[in-house]
């Protein structure tokens, strides 16, 4: 799935491009789209919340809104991903 990111979200993620295409992983909590939920997703998750943008992977509780209500669910996904297989 391809997502078009608008300028506000892109500046939030720290790039100067006006728009870019990225591959969505669809994995709750995988906010940097690398296919893994880990500590590298934390700063991206927080910037997404602060920006007010909607990113499916940051909507961890699935309520259609990215907000502080997603933090508990995000932490749960971090803990599950960190557990040994």
N, C-alpha and C. Protein backbone atom coordinates (compact mmCIF):
# COMPACT_ATOMS: atom_id res chain seq x y z
N UNK A 1 0.85 -1.16 0.00
CA UNK A 1 0.00 0.00 0.00
C UNK A 1 0.90 1.23 0.00
N UNK A 2 0.58 2.19 -0.79
CA UNK A 2 1.35 3.44 -0.85
C UNK A 2 0.56 4.55 -0.18
N UNK A 3 1.26 5.36 0.54
CA UNK A 3 0.65 6.49 1.23
C UNK A 3 1.32 7.76 0.73
N UNK A 4 0.52 8.76 0.38
CA UNK A 4 1.08 10.09 0.05
C UNK A 4 1.07 10.91 1.31
N UNK A 5 2.25 11.34 1.71
CA UNK A 5 2.37 12.17 2.89
C UNK A 5 2.36 13.63 2.50
N UNK A 6 1.60 14.44 3.20
CA UNK A 6 1.53 15.86 2.90
C UNK A 6 2.67 16.62 3.57
N UNK A 7 2.87 17.86 3.17
CA UNK A 7 4.02 18.64 3.64
C UNK A 7 4.08 18.73 5.16
N UNK A 8 2.95 18.88 5.83
CA UNK A 8 2.97 19.00 7.29
C UNK A 8 3.51 17.76 7.97
N UNK A 9 3.11 16.59 7.52
CA UNK A 9 3.60 15.35 8.10
C UNK A 9 5.07 15.16 7.77
N UNK A 10 5.45 15.48 6.55
CA UNK A 10 6.84 15.28 6.16
C UNK A 10 7.77 16.18 6.97
N UNK A 11 7.38 17.44 7.16
CA UNK A 11 8.22 18.31 7.97
C UNK A 11 8.28 17.80 9.41
N UNK A 12 7.20 17.19 9.87
CA UNK A 12 7.16 16.60 11.19
C UNK A 12 8.15 15.44 11.29
N UNK A 13 8.30 14.70 10.23
CA UNK A 13 9.21 13.56 10.23
C UNK A 13 10.65 13.96 9.93
N UNK A 14 10.88 15.25 9.68
CA UNK A 14 12.24 15.74 9.56
C UNK A 14 12.83 15.72 8.17
N UNK A 15 12.05 15.71 7.14
CA UNK A 15 12.56 15.79 5.78
C UNK A 15 12.04 17.05 5.12
N UNK A 16 12.75 17.57 4.17
CA UNK A 16 12.35 18.84 3.56
C UNK A 16 11.56 18.67 2.27
N UNK A 17 11.28 17.46 1.87
CA UNK A 17 10.52 17.23 0.65
C UNK A 17 9.07 17.64 0.83
N UNK A 18 8.44 18.12 -0.22
CA UNK A 18 7.03 18.53 -0.15
C UNK A 18 6.11 17.34 -0.08
N UNK A 19 6.44 16.25 -0.73
CA UNK A 19 5.64 15.02 -0.68
C UNK A 19 6.52 13.86 -1.08
N UNK A 20 6.22 12.71 -0.54
CA UNK A 20 6.96 11.52 -0.93
C UNK A 20 6.06 10.31 -0.76
N UNK A 21 6.42 9.24 -1.41
CA UNK A 21 5.67 8.00 -1.30
C UNK A 21 6.46 7.04 -0.44
N UNK A 22 5.80 6.44 0.53
CA UNK A 22 6.44 5.44 1.37
C UNK A 22 5.55 4.20 1.39
N UNK A 23 6.15 3.08 1.72
CA UNK A 23 5.38 1.85 1.84
C UNK A 23 4.87 1.72 3.27
N UNK A 24 3.59 1.57 3.42
CA UNK A 24 2.99 1.37 4.72
C UNK A 24 3.12 -0.10 5.10
N UNK A 25 3.54 -0.35 6.33
CA UNK A 25 3.65 -1.74 6.76
C UNK A 25 2.33 -2.27 7.30
N UNK A 26 1.47 -1.36 7.78
CA UNK A 26 0.20 -1.80 8.38
C UNK A 26 0.37 -2.42 9.75
N UNK A 27 1.59 -2.39 10.30
CA UNK A 27 1.86 -2.97 11.61
C UNK A 27 1.63 -1.89 12.66
N UNK A 28 0.67 -2.09 13.57
CA UNK A 28 0.43 -1.08 14.61
C UNK A 28 1.71 -0.80 15.39
N UNK A 29 2.08 0.47 15.48
CA UNK A 29 3.27 0.88 16.21
C UNK A 29 4.50 1.04 15.35
N UNK A 30 4.49 0.51 14.12
CA UNK A 30 5.66 0.62 13.23
C UNK A 30 5.61 1.97 12.52
N UNK A 31 5.91 3.02 13.26
CA UNK A 31 5.73 4.39 12.76
C UNK A 31 6.83 4.84 11.81
N UNK A 32 7.96 4.14 11.77
CA UNK A 32 9.01 4.50 10.81
C UNK A 32 9.03 3.56 9.61
N UNK A 33 8.05 2.71 9.51
CA UNK A 33 7.80 1.83 8.36
C UNK A 33 9.00 0.95 7.99
N UNK A 34 9.70 0.42 9.02
CA UNK A 34 10.81 -0.48 8.72
C UNK A 34 10.44 -1.95 8.94
N UNK A 35 9.17 -2.20 9.29
CA UNK A 35 8.70 -3.57 9.46
C UNK A 35 8.91 -4.13 10.86
N UNK A 36 9.44 -3.30 11.78
CA UNK A 36 9.73 -3.73 13.14
C UNK A 36 9.22 -2.67 14.10
N UNK A 37 8.57 -3.10 15.18
CA UNK A 37 8.17 -2.16 16.23
C UNK A 37 9.26 -2.19 17.29
N UNK A 38 9.99 -1.07 17.42
CA UNK A 38 11.08 -1.01 18.38
C UNK A 38 11.28 0.43 18.84
N UNK A 39 12.35 0.66 19.60
CA UNK A 39 12.61 1.99 20.17
C UNK A 39 12.76 3.07 19.10
N UNK A 40 13.15 2.70 17.89
CA UNK A 40 13.30 3.68 16.82
C UNK A 40 11.96 4.28 16.41
N UNK A 41 10.86 3.62 16.74
CA UNK A 41 9.53 4.13 16.42
C UNK A 41 9.05 5.19 17.41
N UNK A 42 9.64 5.24 18.59
CA UNK A 42 9.15 6.14 19.64
C UNK A 42 9.19 7.62 19.23
N UNK A 43 10.34 8.15 18.77
CA UNK A 43 10.33 9.58 18.42
C UNK A 43 9.42 9.90 17.23
N UNK A 44 9.31 8.97 16.30
CA UNK A 44 8.43 9.18 15.14
C UNK A 44 6.98 9.19 15.60
N UNK A 45 6.62 8.24 16.47
CA UNK A 45 5.27 8.17 17.03
C UNK A 45 4.91 9.48 17.73
N UNK A 46 5.83 10.00 18.55
CA UNK A 46 5.56 11.24 19.27
C UNK A 46 5.41 12.43 18.32
N UNK A 47 6.23 12.48 17.27
CA UNK A 47 6.11 13.59 16.30
C UNK A 47 4.78 13.50 15.54
N UNK A 48 4.34 12.29 15.24
CA UNK A 48 3.05 12.13 14.56
C UNK A 48 1.93 12.63 15.45
N UNK A 49 1.95 12.26 16.73
CA UNK A 49 0.92 12.73 17.66
C UNK A 49 0.94 14.26 17.74
N UNK A 50 2.13 14.85 17.87
CA UNK A 50 2.24 16.30 17.98
C UNK A 50 1.77 17.01 16.72
N UNK A 51 1.94 16.38 15.57
CA UNK A 51 1.58 17.03 14.30
C UNK A 51 0.07 17.06 14.05
N UNK A 52 -0.64 16.12 14.68
CA UNK A 52 -2.07 16.02 14.42
C UNK A 52 -2.40 15.27 13.15
N UNK A 53 -1.37 14.73 12.48
CA UNK A 53 -1.58 13.98 11.23
C UNK A 53 -2.12 12.58 11.55
N UNK A 54 -2.81 11.99 10.59
CA UNK A 54 -3.27 10.61 10.76
C UNK A 54 -2.32 9.69 10.01
N UNK A 55 -1.74 8.76 10.74
CA UNK A 55 -0.90 7.70 10.17
C UNK A 55 -1.42 6.40 10.76
N UNK A 56 -1.82 5.49 9.89
CA UNK A 56 -2.47 4.25 10.34
C UNK A 56 -1.67 3.51 11.39
N UNK A 57 -0.36 3.43 11.22
CA UNK A 57 0.47 2.69 12.16
C UNK A 57 0.52 3.34 13.54
N UNK A 58 0.29 4.64 13.62
CA UNK A 58 0.27 5.34 14.91
C UNK A 58 -1.09 5.25 15.60
N UNK A 59 -2.12 4.88 14.85
CA UNK A 59 -3.46 4.71 15.42
C UNK A 59 -3.54 3.31 16.02
N UNK A 60 -2.79 3.11 17.09
CA UNK A 60 -2.64 1.77 17.68
C UNK A 60 -3.92 1.20 18.25
N UNK A 61 -4.82 2.05 18.71
CA UNK A 61 -6.07 1.53 19.28
C UNK A 61 -7.18 1.43 18.23
N UNK A 62 -6.90 1.86 17.00
CA UNK A 62 -7.83 1.67 15.90
C UNK A 62 -9.10 2.50 15.96
N UNK A 63 -9.07 3.65 16.67
CA UNK A 63 -10.28 4.45 16.78
C UNK A 63 -10.43 5.50 15.68
N UNK A 64 -9.51 5.50 14.72
CA UNK A 64 -9.60 6.45 13.61
C UNK A 64 -8.99 7.80 13.90
N UNK A 65 -8.32 7.93 15.04
CA UNK A 65 -7.70 9.18 15.43
C UNK A 65 -6.35 8.86 16.08
N UNK A 66 -5.35 9.67 15.78
CA UNK A 66 -4.05 9.51 16.43
C UNK A 66 -3.96 10.55 17.54
N UNK A 67 -3.88 10.06 18.78
CA UNK A 67 -3.89 10.96 19.94
C UNK A 67 -3.15 10.29 21.10
N UNK A 68 -3.15 10.97 22.22
CA UNK A 68 -2.52 10.40 23.41
C UNK A 68 -3.20 9.11 23.86
N UNK A 69 -4.43 8.88 23.41
CA UNK A 69 -5.12 7.64 23.73
C UNK A 69 -4.43 6.42 23.11
N UNK A 70 -3.56 6.65 22.13
CA UNK A 70 -2.85 5.56 21.48
C UNK A 70 -1.56 5.16 22.20
N UNK A 71 -1.15 5.93 23.19
CA UNK A 71 0.14 5.68 23.85
C UNK A 71 0.17 4.32 24.55
N UNK A 72 -0.84 3.98 25.34
CA UNK A 72 -0.84 2.69 26.04
C UNK A 72 -0.75 1.53 25.06
N UNK A 73 -1.52 1.61 24.00
CA UNK A 73 -1.52 0.56 22.99
C UNK A 73 -0.15 0.48 22.30
N UNK A 74 0.44 1.64 22.01
CA UNK A 74 1.77 1.69 21.39
C UNK A 74 2.80 1.00 22.29
N UNK A 75 2.77 1.31 23.59
CA UNK A 75 3.71 0.69 24.53
C UNK A 75 3.51 -0.81 24.56
N UNK A 76 2.27 -1.27 24.51
CA UNK A 76 1.98 -2.71 24.47
C UNK A 76 2.62 -3.35 23.25
N UNK A 77 2.50 -2.69 22.08
CA UNK A 77 3.11 -3.23 20.86
C UNK A 77 4.63 -3.25 20.98
N UNK A 78 5.22 -2.26 21.65
CA UNK A 78 6.67 -2.26 21.89
C UNK A 78 7.07 -3.45 22.75
N UNK A 79 6.30 -3.70 23.81
CA UNK A 79 6.62 -4.81 24.72
C UNK A 79 6.49 -6.15 24.01
N UNK A 80 5.44 -6.33 23.22
CA UNK A 80 5.24 -7.59 22.49
C UNK A 80 6.37 -7.81 21.51
N UNK A 81 6.77 -6.76 20.80
CA UNK A 81 7.83 -6.89 19.81
C UNK A 81 9.18 -7.17 20.47
N UNK A 82 9.35 -6.75 21.71
CA UNK A 82 10.62 -6.92 22.41
C UNK A 82 10.75 -8.29 23.07
N UNK A 83 9.65 -9.03 23.18
CA UNK A 83 9.69 -10.33 23.82
C UNK A 83 10.40 -11.34 22.93
N UNK A 84 11.20 -12.24 23.54
CA UNK A 84 11.87 -13.26 22.74
C UNK A 84 10.88 -14.20 22.09
N UNK A 85 11.17 -14.62 20.90
CA UNK A 85 10.27 -15.51 20.17
C UNK A 85 10.52 -16.96 20.53
